[in-house]
Amino acid sequence: MIKIDLKAASSFLTDAQMKEFTGKALAAYDTLESGKGLGNDFLGWDHLPSEDRSQIYDSIDEICGKWRDLGVDLVVSVGIGGSYLGAQAAIEALSHSFAAQMGGKGIQVVFAGNNLSQDYICDLMDLVEKRSAAVIVISKSGTTTEPAIAFRILKQSLEAKYGKKESRNRIAVVTDAHRGALKSLSEQEGYRSFVIPDNVGGRFSVLTPVGLLPIAAAGFDYRAIMKGALEMENVCSERSEDNPAVEYAAIRNALQSIGKQVEILVNFEPRLRYFGEWWKQLFGESEGKDHKGIFPAAVNFTTDLHSMGQYIQDGQRFIFETVIAVENSCRSMKICNDPQNLDGLNFLNDKEMNECNRMARLGTKLAHVDGGVPNVCVEIPEIDEYSIGELFYFFEKSCGMSGYILGVNPFNQPGVEAYKKNMFALLGKPGYEEAASALKERL
């Protein structure tokens, strides 16, 4: 189970400050649990792990089995933001680091609809042409620009390659239960459809078919992910100062109150790189409102100690770190003896690589704390489905409380619409002519 260690962060705070923000976190917990806070119509994520979802799981298993029977070896998951980041975080964390190069059996999942790069989509279509492909398209509306464009191109490609009838068996839709362009298209074409619950926002949707279907397609045990999430739902349901979500929400806001405005999520395992991307969206889109919020960033150590390490150690002192520490490796590798010892590393002979990585983590912690950077540690036993499920739920619960401490609605995202309106105007969308003229003058 997740362990949280605050000692290297609470040392920067007085007992009175810790008490104050623990009280605020408990009050935020009460607001969240009462269902009466801002954005309370988007709290469906809170009890997803404990709901009976056996019918959904059966449907996920059925379509993944059908794709295997068809010989599908590539699934393109189309979505942006919360419609892809959670699935990619889990798949990257659980996969062999060189799975694509190893040419393993089973289905490879890749992602599209999260950018507007022409080169990227052309490269993707090269891959789709060579492989036996299926597509998952994820969007509540079906009109979000990036995934809508990608799906339009992929749909046309599948129909040209397999014919319209077989393409229906190779396309799955995850969308709104009742409305939207994608829902209408799904009914018109007869695609297999999964529902994004009305009361679950995109960045909180990884434990719905939004995340679970691509994870299942990649061959991972999504039920174990849900079991881990259920464990954390039970742990985080206690109104207690020892509730880890309460502790985390309290400490990060206490640190902000003393000028620590930037939180860096740190990992020492490359497989967790995309978990940092998911976490950045979760907190950035939830808290960055009304000119408030802790700025979320992510780094990959020890790699980034050779790039960002200097700034973190000696730059401006507005940073604190949250480290995801992994206690045990899934595999074993010992460092060997070299008779010449030209690199001077024979003192490491017969030591596990994981021991070196752990000492690097602890040494970095001490150095950064000495340099004025508070350090929060979130430890998991190992990188597996159960622990990934725990992490997803833990951060979601903490985020809801942290947003309420800040005094914002953690569940809306009004700011993301500004760029879309400008883009539509500049692309000549009907109805945006006046805005286009004004924008072009500015450019």
Protein backbone atom coordinates (compact mmCIF):
# COMPACT_ATOMS: atom_id res chain seq x y z
CA MET A 1 0.00 0.00 0.00
CA ILE A 2 1.05 3.62 -0.53
CA LYS A 3 3.16 5.15 2.23
CA ILE A 4 3.58 8.91 2.53
CA ASP A 5 6.55 10.49 4.29
CA LEU A 6 6.31 14.21 5.08
CA LYS A 7 9.32 14.61 7.39
CA ALA A 8 11.55 16.27 4.78
CA ALA A 9 8.78 18.74 3.99
CA SER A 10 7.19 19.44 7.37
CA SER A 11 10.59 20.55 8.69
CA PHE A 12 10.11 23.73 6.62
CA LEU A 13 6.88 24.51 8.49
CA THR A 14 5.99 25.40 12.05
CA ASP A 15 3.72 23.18 14.12
CA ALA A 16 1.09 25.92 13.94
CA GLN A 17 1.23 25.99 10.13
CA MET A 18 0.92 22.22 9.93
CA LYS A 19 -2.05 22.26 12.31
CA GLU A 20 -3.73 25.06 10.35
CA PHE A 21 -3.51 23.32 7.00
CA THR A 22 -4.40 19.91 8.36
CA GLY A 23 -7.58 21.54 9.64
CA LYS A 24 -8.18 23.06 6.20
CA ALA A 25 -7.64 19.68 4.55
CA LEU A 26 -10.15 18.03 6.89
CA ALA A 27 -12.66 20.79 6.12
CA ALA A 28 -12.04 20.20 2.39
CA TYR A 29 -12.56 16.48 2.99
CA ASP A 30 -15.93 17.28 4.57
CA THR A 31 -16.89 19.46 1.60
CA LEU A 32 -15.93 16.73 -0.84
CA GLU A 33 -17.75 13.99 1.06
CA SER A 34 -20.89 16.10 1.54
CA GLY A 35 -21.25 16.53 -2.21
CA LYS A 36 -22.14 20.18 -1.70
CA GLY A 37 -18.97 21.89 -2.88
CA LEU A 38 -18.16 23.62 -6.15
CA GLY A 39 -18.41 21.25 -9.11
CA ASN A 40 -20.42 18.71 -7.12
CA ASP A 41 -22.06 17.44 -10.31
CA PHE A 42 -18.67 15.94 -11.27
CA LEU A 43 -18.01 13.68 -8.30
CA GLY A 44 -18.75 10.37 -10.01
CA TRP A 45 -15.06 9.37 -9.91
CA ASP A 46 -15.05 9.28 -6.09
CA HIS A 47 -16.70 5.86 -5.71
CA LEU A 48 -15.96 4.24 -9.07
CA PRO A 49 -13.75 1.50 -7.57
CA SER A 50 -16.47 0.29 -5.19
CA GLU A 51 -19.29 0.25 -7.74
CA ASP A 52 -20.46 -3.01 -9.34
CA ARG A 53 -19.15 -2.64 -12.88
CA SER A 54 -19.13 -6.28 -13.93
CA GLN A 55 -21.19 -5.60 -17.07
CA ILE A 56 -18.69 -2.99 -18.23
CA TYR A 57 -15.82 -5.37 -17.57
CA ASP A 58 -17.53 -8.13 -19.53
CA SER A 59 -17.97 -5.77 -22.48
CA ILE A 60 -14.32 -4.74 -22.35
CA ASP A 61 -13.21 -8.37 -22.29
CA GLU A 62 -15.55 -9.23 -25.15
CA ILE A 63 -14.29 -6.59 -27.56
CA CYS A 64 -10.62 -7.22 -26.72
CA GLY A 65 -11.23 -10.92 -27.35
CA LYS A 66 -12.92 -10.14 -30.66
CA TRP A 67 -9.94 -8.04 -31.77
CA ARG A 68 -7.55 -10.86 -30.90
CA ASP A 69 -9.69 -13.27 -32.93
CA LEU A 70 -9.50 -10.85 -35.88
CA GLY A 71 -5.71 -10.85 -35.62
CA VAL A 72 -5.52 -7.21 -34.53
CA ASP A 73 -1.99 -6.36 -33.43
CA LEU A 74 -2.30 -2.56 -33.27
CA VAL A 75 -4.90 -0.43 -31.49
CA VAL A 76 -4.88 3.32 -32.01
CA SER A 77 -6.42 5.08 -29.01
CA VAL A 78 -7.70 8.50 -30.12
CA GLY A 79 -8.18 11.19 -27.49
CA ILE A 80 -6.66 14.25 -25.87
CA GLY A 81 -6.05 15.34 -22.28
CA GLY A 82 -7.78 13.04 -19.83
CA SER A 83 -8.97 10.91 -22.73
CA TYR A 84 -5.49 9.47 -23.21
CA LEU A 85 -3.05 10.49 -20.48
CA GLY A 86 -4.21 7.99 -17.85
CA ALA A 87 -4.16 5.04 -20.24
CA GLN A 88 -0.76 6.00 -21.60
CA ALA A 89 0.59 6.46 -18.06
CA ALA A 90 -0.54 2.96 -17.07
CA ILE A 91 0.56 1.24 -20.27
CA GLU A 92 4.01 2.87 -20.22
CA ALA A 93 4.46 2.01 -16.54
CA LEU A 94 3.52 -1.64 -17.01
CA SER A 95 5.21 -2.34 -20.34
CA HIS A 96 8.69 -3.65 -21.10
CA SER A 97 10.81 -0.57 -21.74
CA PHE A 98 11.59 -1.79 -25.26
CA ALA A 99 8.36 -3.62 -26.04
CA ALA A 100 8.05 -2.14 -29.54
CA GLN A 101 11.63 -3.08 -30.46
CA MET A 102 11.30 -6.57 -28.94
CA GLY A 103 8.48 -7.42 -31.34
CA GLY A 104 6.47 -9.19 -28.68
CA LYS A 105 3.16 -10.93 -29.22
CA GLY A 106 -0.18 -9.35 -28.46
CA ILE A 107 -1.66 -5.95 -29.23
CA GLN A 108 0.39 -2.78 -29.25
CA VAL A 109 -1.49 0.37 -28.23
CA VAL A 110 -0.43 3.73 -29.65
CA PHE A 111 -2.03 7.14 -29.24
CA ALA A 112 -3.38 9.76 -31.62
CA GLY A 113 -5.61 12.81 -31.55
CA ASN A 114 -3.47 14.56 -28.93
CA ASN A 115 -1.71 16.95 -31.32
CA LEU A 116 -2.12 18.60 -34.72
CA SER A 117 1.24 17.58 -36.15
CA GLN A 118 1.04 16.60 -39.80
CA ASP A 119 4.27 14.61 -39.57
CA TYR A 120 2.96 12.63 -36.60
CA ILE A 121 -0.29 11.62 -38.28
CA CYS A 122 1.54 10.70 -41.50
CA ASP A 123 3.96 8.51 -39.53
CA LEU A 124 1.02 6.92 -37.73
CA MET A 125 -0.73 6.13 -41.01
CA ASP A 126 2.44 4.40 -42.23
CA LEU A 127 2.15 2.12 -39.20
CA VAL A 128 -1.59 1.55 -39.59
CA GLU A 129 -1.08 0.56 -43.22
CA LYS A 130 1.43 -2.15 -42.26
CA ARG A 131 -0.42 -3.60 -39.28
CA SER A 132 -3.79 -5.18 -38.51
CA ALA A 133 -5.39 -2.18 -36.82
CA ALA A 134 -8.35 -1.27 -34.66
CA VAL A 135 -9.32 2.12 -33.24
CA ILE A 136 -10.69 3.35 -29.91
CA VAL A 137 -12.01 6.91 -30.18
CA ILE A 138 -12.65 8.71 -26.89
CA SER A 139 -14.55 11.99 -26.69
CA LYS A 140 -17.70 13.13 -24.89
CA SER A 141 -18.70 15.45 -27.70
CA GLY A 142 -16.97 14.01 -30.74
CA THR A 143 -16.18 17.55 -31.89
CA THR A 144 -12.95 18.27 -30.01
CA THR A 145 -10.67 19.31 -32.86
CA GLU A 146 -7.56 17.16 -32.40
CA PRO A 147 -9.24 13.76 -31.87
CA ALA A 148 -12.01 14.52 -34.39
CA ILE A 149 -9.47 15.16 -37.14
CA ALA A 150 -7.44 12.06 -36.25
CA PHE A 151 -10.53 9.85 -36.17
CA ARG A 152 -11.78 11.21 -39.48
CA ILE A 153 -8.47 10.18 -41.12
CA LEU A 154 -8.30 6.80 -39.35
CA LYS A 155 -11.93 5.92 -40.12
CA GLN A 156 -11.38 6.61 -43.79
CA SER A 157 -8.21 4.50 -43.77
CA LEU A 158 -9.86 1.51 -42.06
CA GLU A 159 -12.83 1.58 -44.41
CA ALA A 160 -10.54 1.71 -47.44
CA LYS A 161 -8.44 -1.19 -46.13
CA TYR A 162 -11.08 -3.51 -44.62
CA GLY A 163 -14.37 -2.30 -46.06
CA LYS A 164 -17.16 -0.58 -44.17
CA LYS A 165 -18.64 -3.76 -42.69
CA GLU A 166 -15.44 -5.15 -41.14
CA SER A 167 -14.36 -1.67 -40.03
CA ARG A 168 -17.38 -1.59 -37.72
CA ASN A 169 -15.83 -4.51 -35.83
CA ARG A 170 -12.53 -2.65 -35.57
CA ILE A 171 -13.85 0.61 -34.12
CA ALA A 172 -14.93 1.17 -30.51
CA VAL A 173 -16.34 4.43 -29.22
CA VAL A 174 -16.15 5.82 -25.68
CA THR A 175 -18.49 8.79 -25.44
CA ASP A 176 -21.53 10.37 -23.81
CA ALA A 177 -24.47 8.11 -23.01
CA HIS A 178 -27.13 10.25 -24.68
CA ARG A 179 -25.85 13.05 -26.89
CA GLY A 180 -23.05 14.40 -29.03
CA ALA A 181 -21.70 13.93 -32.54
CA LEU A 182 -19.75 10.80 -31.64
CA LYS A 183 -22.75 9.20 -29.97
CA SER A 184 -24.84 9.87 -33.09
CA LEU A 185 -22.13 8.48 -35.38
CA SER A 186 -21.77 5.38 -33.21
CA GLU A 187 -25.50 4.64 -33.44
CA GLN A 188 -25.56 5.36 -37.17
CA GLU A 189 -22.60 3.09 -37.97
CA GLY A 190 -23.23 0.39 -35.38
CA TYR A 191 -19.95 0.79 -33.50
CA ARG A 192 -19.43 -0.86 -30.12
CA SER A 193 -19.98 1.93 -27.61
CA PHE A 194 -18.85 2.55 -24.03
CA VAL A 195 -20.08 5.35 -21.79
CA ILE A 196 -18.19 8.19 -20.16
CA PRO A 197 -20.36 8.91 -17.08
CA ASP A 198 -21.93 12.36 -17.11
CA ASN A 199 -20.60 13.04 -13.61
CA VAL A 200 -16.94 12.21 -14.38
CA GLY A 201 -14.70 14.84 -15.96
CA GLY A 202 -11.96 13.90 -18.39
CA ARG A 203 -8.95 14.19 -16.11
CA PHE A 204 -10.71 12.02 -13.49
CA SER A 205 -11.82 9.39 -16.01
CA VAL A 206 -8.93 6.90 -16.08
CA LEU A 207 -10.90 4.37 -14.00
CA THR A 208 -13.78 4.39 -16.51
CA PRO A 209 -13.65 2.77 -19.99
CA VAL A 210 -11.71 5.87 -21.06
CA GLY A 211 -8.63 4.36 -19.42
CA LEU A 212 -9.61 0.76 -18.84
CA LEU A 213 -10.39 -0.17 -22.46
CA PRO A 214 -6.98 0.82 -23.90
CA ILE A 215 -5.23 -0.72 -20.87
CA ALA A 216 -7.14 -3.97 -21.41
CA ALA A 217 -6.37 -3.91 -25.14
CA ALA A 218 -2.68 -3.69 -24.27
CA GLY A 219 -3.05 -6.90 -22.27
CA PHE A 220 -2.81 -5.59 -18.72
CA ASP A 221 -4.92 -6.59 -15.73
CA TYR A 222 -7.27 -3.64 -15.39
CA ARG A 223 -9.20 -5.47 -12.67
CA ALA A 224 -6.07 -5.40 -10.50
CA ILE A 225 -5.84 -1.66 -11.16
CA MET A 226 -9.40 -1.32 -9.86
CA LYS A 227 -8.54 -3.44 -6.80
CA GLY A 228 -5.68 -1.08 -5.97
CA ALA A 229 -7.96 1.90 -6.45
CA LEU A 230 -10.56 0.28 -4.18
CA GLU A 231 -7.93 -0.15 -1.46
CA MET A 232 -7.18 3.57 -1.64
CA GLU A 233 -10.88 4.49 -1.76
CA ASN A 234 -11.29 2.63 1.54
CA VAL A 235 -8.18 4.17 3.10
CA CYS A 236 -9.00 7.69 1.92
CA SER A 237 -12.62 7.44 3.11
CA GLU A 238 -11.54 7.86 6.74
CA ARG A 239 -11.88 11.32 8.21
CA SER A 240 -8.49 11.32 9.86
CA GLU A 241 -5.29 13.31 10.02
CA ASP A 242 -3.58 10.06 9.03
CA ASN A 243 -5.58 9.77 5.81
CA PRO A 244 -2.76 9.99 3.19
CA ALA A 245 -4.85 12.13 0.84
CA VAL A 246 -5.56 14.56 3.70
CA GLU A 247 -1.85 14.65 4.54
CA TYR A 248 -0.81 15.33 0.96
CA ALA A 249 -3.45 18.00 0.33
CA ALA A 250 -2.47 19.71 3.59
CA ILE A 251 1.30 19.70 3.09
CA ARG A 252 1.28 20.98 -0.49
CA ASN A 253 -0.98 23.92 0.41
CA ALA A 254 1.01 24.66 3.57
CA LEU A 255 4.17 24.81 1.47
CA GLN A 256 2.54 27.14 -1.00
CA SER A 257 1.64 29.46 1.88
CA ILE A 258 5.35 29.97 2.57
CA GLY A 259 6.18 30.73 -1.07
CA LYS A 260 6.66 27.29 -2.60
CA GLN A 261 4.62 27.92 -5.74
CA VAL A 262 5.93 25.11 -7.96
CA GLU A 263 5.55 21.39 -7.26
CA ILE A 264 7.79 18.99 -9.13
CA LEU A 265 6.70 15.37 -9.39
CA VAL A 266 9.86 13.27 -9.39
CA ASN A 267 10.37 9.67 -10.42
CA PHE A 268 13.50 7.53 -10.47
CA GLU A 269 11.97 4.99 -12.86
CA PRO A 270 11.69 5.85 -16.59
CA ARG A 271 8.50 3.81 -16.84
CA LEU A 272 6.76 6.48 -14.73
CA ARG A 273 7.51 9.30 -17.16
CA TYR A 274 3.96 9.44 -18.50
CA PHE A 275 2.52 9.16 -15.02
CA GLY A 276 4.02 12.60 -14.50
CA GLU A 277 2.17 13.84 -17.60
CA TRP A 278 -1.14 12.51 -16.25
CA TRP A 279 -0.45 14.09 -12.84
CA LYS A 280 0.37 17.46 -14.42
CA GLN A 281 -2.98 17.61 -16.16
CA LEU A 282 -4.85 16.44 -13.07
CA PHE A 283 -3.50 19.21 -10.86
CA GLY A 284 -2.88 21.89 -13.48
CA GLU A 285 -6.39 21.79 -14.93
CA SER A 286 -8.02 21.33 -11.52
CA GLU A 287 -6.26 24.11 -9.61
CA GLY A 288 -5.13 26.70 -12.16
CA LYS A 289 -8.06 29.11 -11.87
CA ASP A 290 -8.81 32.60 -10.61
CA HIS A 291 -5.05 33.35 -10.69
CA LYS A 292 -4.53 30.64 -8.08
CA GLY A 293 -2.92 27.23 -8.01
CA ILE A 294 0.37 25.43 -7.44
CA PHE A 295 2.21 25.06 -10.75
CA PRO A 296 2.77 21.35 -11.54
CA ALA A 297 5.94 20.18 -13.29
CA ALA A 298 7.59 16.77 -13.63
CA VAL A 299 11.15 15.48 -13.94
CA ASN A 300 12.77 12.10 -14.47
CA PHE A 301 15.74 11.38 -12.20
CA THR A 302 18.57 10.60 -12.28
CA THR A 303 18.40 11.69 -15.95
CA ASP A 304 17.22 15.23 -15.25
CA LEU A 305 19.67 15.72 -12.40
CA HIS A 306 22.09 16.34 -15.27
CA SER A 307 19.88 19.07 -16.74
CA MET A 308 17.39 20.47 -14.21
CA GLY A 309 19.35 19.42 -11.14
CA GLN A 310 21.40 22.63 -11.02
CA TYR A 311 18.33 24.84 -10.99
CA ILE A 312 16.51 22.72 -8.41
CA GLN A 313 19.58 22.77 -6.16
CA ASP A 314 20.60 26.42 -6.51
CA GLY A 315 17.91 28.35 -8.41
CA GLN A 316 15.04 30.41 -7.04
CA ARG A 317 13.54 28.92 -3.89
CA PHE A 318 9.89 28.57 -4.95
CA ILE A 319 10.02 24.79 -5.51
CA PHE A 320 9.05 21.70 -3.57
CA GLU A 321 9.30 18.08 -4.70
CA THR A 322 6.95 15.12 -4.49
CA VAL A 323 8.86 11.91 -5.18
CA ILE A 324 7.21 8.66 -6.26
CA ALA A 325 9.56 6.10 -4.72
CA VAL A 326 9.43 2.46 -5.82
CA GLU A 327 10.65 0.11 -3.10
CA ASN A 328 11.28 -3.02 -5.18
CA SER A 329 12.31 -3.65 -8.76
CA CYS A 330 10.51 -6.24 -10.85
CA ARG A 331 13.83 -7.62 -12.12
CA SER A 332 17.40 -8.04 -10.86
CA MET A 333 20.72 -6.81 -12.23
CA LYS A 334 24.01 -6.74 -10.32
CA ILE A 335 27.03 -4.62 -11.15
CA CYS A 336 30.01 -6.73 -12.19
CA ASN A 337 33.69 -6.52 -11.28
CA ASP A 338 36.14 -5.09 -13.84
CA PRO A 339 39.78 -6.13 -13.33
CA GLN A 340 41.08 -2.86 -14.85
CA ASN A 341 38.73 -0.66 -12.76
CA LEU A 342 39.52 2.36 -14.91
CA ASP A 343 36.20 3.95 -13.94
CA GLY A 344 36.92 3.41 -10.23
CA LEU A 345 33.59 1.67 -9.66
CA ASN A 346 34.71 -1.71 -8.34
CA PHE A 347 33.44 -0.68 -4.91
CA LEU A 348 30.00 -1.31 -6.43
CA ASN A 349 30.84 -4.91 -7.32
CA ASP A 350 27.92 -7.29 -6.73
CA LYS A 351 25.55 -4.48 -5.71
CA GLU A 352 22.06 -4.42 -7.20
CA MET A 353 21.33 -1.56 -9.59
CA ASN A 354 18.23 -0.89 -7.51
CA GLU A 355 20.43 -0.23 -4.48
CA CYS A 356 22.37 2.39 -6.46
CA ASN A 357 19.11 3.97 -7.59
CA ARG A 358 17.80 4.07 -4.02
CA MET A 359 20.97 5.69 -2.72
CA ALA A 360 20.77 8.23 -5.56
CA ARG A 361 17.22 9.03 -4.46
CA LEU A 362 18.15 9.42 -0.80
CA GLY A 363 21.30 11.41 -1.63
CA THR A 364 19.28 13.73 -3.86
CA LYS A 365 16.68 14.17 -1.14
CA LEU A 366 19.30 15.24 1.40
CA ALA A 367 21.04 17.58 -1.05
CA HIS A 368 17.82 19.27 -2.15
CA VAL A 369 16.49 19.64 1.40
CA ASP A 370 19.82 21.19 2.41
CA GLY A 371 19.38 23.52 -0.58
CA GLY A 372 15.95 24.67 0.60
CA VAL A 373 13.69 22.33 -1.39
CA PRO A 374 11.06 20.51 0.72
CA ASN A 375 10.61 16.84 -0.17
CA VAL A 376 7.40 14.78 0.04
CA CYS A 377 7.80 11.04 -0.55
CA VAL A 378 4.99 8.82 -1.87
CA GLU A 379 6.22 5.22 -1.80
CA ILE A 380 4.76 2.21 -3.58
CA PRO A 381 5.99 -1.39 -3.17
CA GLU A 382 6.58 -1.95 -6.91
CA ILE A 383 5.32 -0.93 -10.33
CA ASP A 384 2.38 -3.22 -10.98
CA GLU A 385 -1.30 -2.87 -11.76
CA TYR A 386 -2.38 -2.78 -8.12
CA SER A 387 0.04 0.03 -7.20
CA ILE A 388 -0.84 2.04 -10.32
CA GLY A 389 -4.50 1.84 -9.31
CA GLU A 390 -3.61 3.04 -5.83
CA LEU A 391 -1.68 6.01 -7.24
CA PHE A 392 -4.48 7.04 -9.59
CA TYR A 393 -7.08 7.16 -6.84
CA PHE A 394 -4.76 8.68 -4.22
CA PHE A 395 -3.90 11.66 -6.42
CA GLU A 396 -7.48 12.15 -7.59
CA LYS A 397 -8.77 12.25 -4.01
CA SER A 398 -5.97 14.57 -2.91
CA CYS A 399 -6.60 16.85 -5.87
CA GLY A 400 -10.28 17.32 -5.06
CA MET A 401 -9.44 18.32 -1.49
CA SER A 402 -6.50 20.51 -2.50
CA GLY A 403 -8.67 22.48 -4.92
CA TYR A 404 -11.19 23.18 -2.19
CA ILE A 405 -8.41 24.36 0.14
CA LEU A 406 -7.35 26.81 -2.59
CA GLY A 407 -10.93 28.01 -2.94
CA VAL A 408 -11.44 26.98 -6.59
CA ASN A 409 -13.76 24.57 -8.38
CA PRO A 410 -11.49 21.55 -8.93
CA PHE A 411 -13.79 20.00 -11.52
CA ASN A 412 -14.22 22.59 -14.29
CA GLN A 413 -11.77 23.96 -16.86
CA PRO A 414 -13.04 27.27 -18.27
CA GLY A 415 -9.59 28.41 -19.39
CA VAL A 416 -9.02 25.72 -22.00
CA GLU A 417 -11.61 27.21 -24.36
CA ALA A 418 -9.70 30.41 -25.18
CA TYR A 419 -7.19 28.89 -27.60
CA LYS A 420 -9.92 26.89 -29.33
CA LYS A 421 -11.96 30.01 -30.15
CA ASN A 422 -8.89 31.73 -31.59
CA MET A 423 -7.92 28.63 -33.59
CA PHE A 424 -11.43 28.25 -35.04
CA ALA A 425 -11.46 31.91 -36.06
CA LEU A 426 -8.05 31.70 -37.72
CA LEU A 427 -9.03 28.50 -39.57
CA GLY A 428 -12.13 30.17 -40.99
CA LYS A 429 -14.88 28.34 -39.10
CA PRO A 430 -18.32 29.75 -40.02
CA GLY A 431 -19.60 32.18 -37.44
CA TYR A 432 -16.12 33.34 -36.38
CA GLU A 433 -15.55 35.91 -39.16
CA GLU A 434 -15.57 38.99 -36.92
CA ALA A 435 -13.20 37.40 -34.42
CA ALA A 436 -10.92 36.28 -37.26
CA SER A 437 -10.59 39.80 -38.58
CA ALA A 438 -9.67 41.16 -35.15
CA LEU A 439 -7.16 38.40 -34.50
CA LYS A 440 -5.44 38.79 -37.88
CA GLU A 441 -4.89 42.49 -37.15
CA ARG A 442 -3.07 41.53 -33.95
CA LEU A 443 -0.87 39.07 -35.83
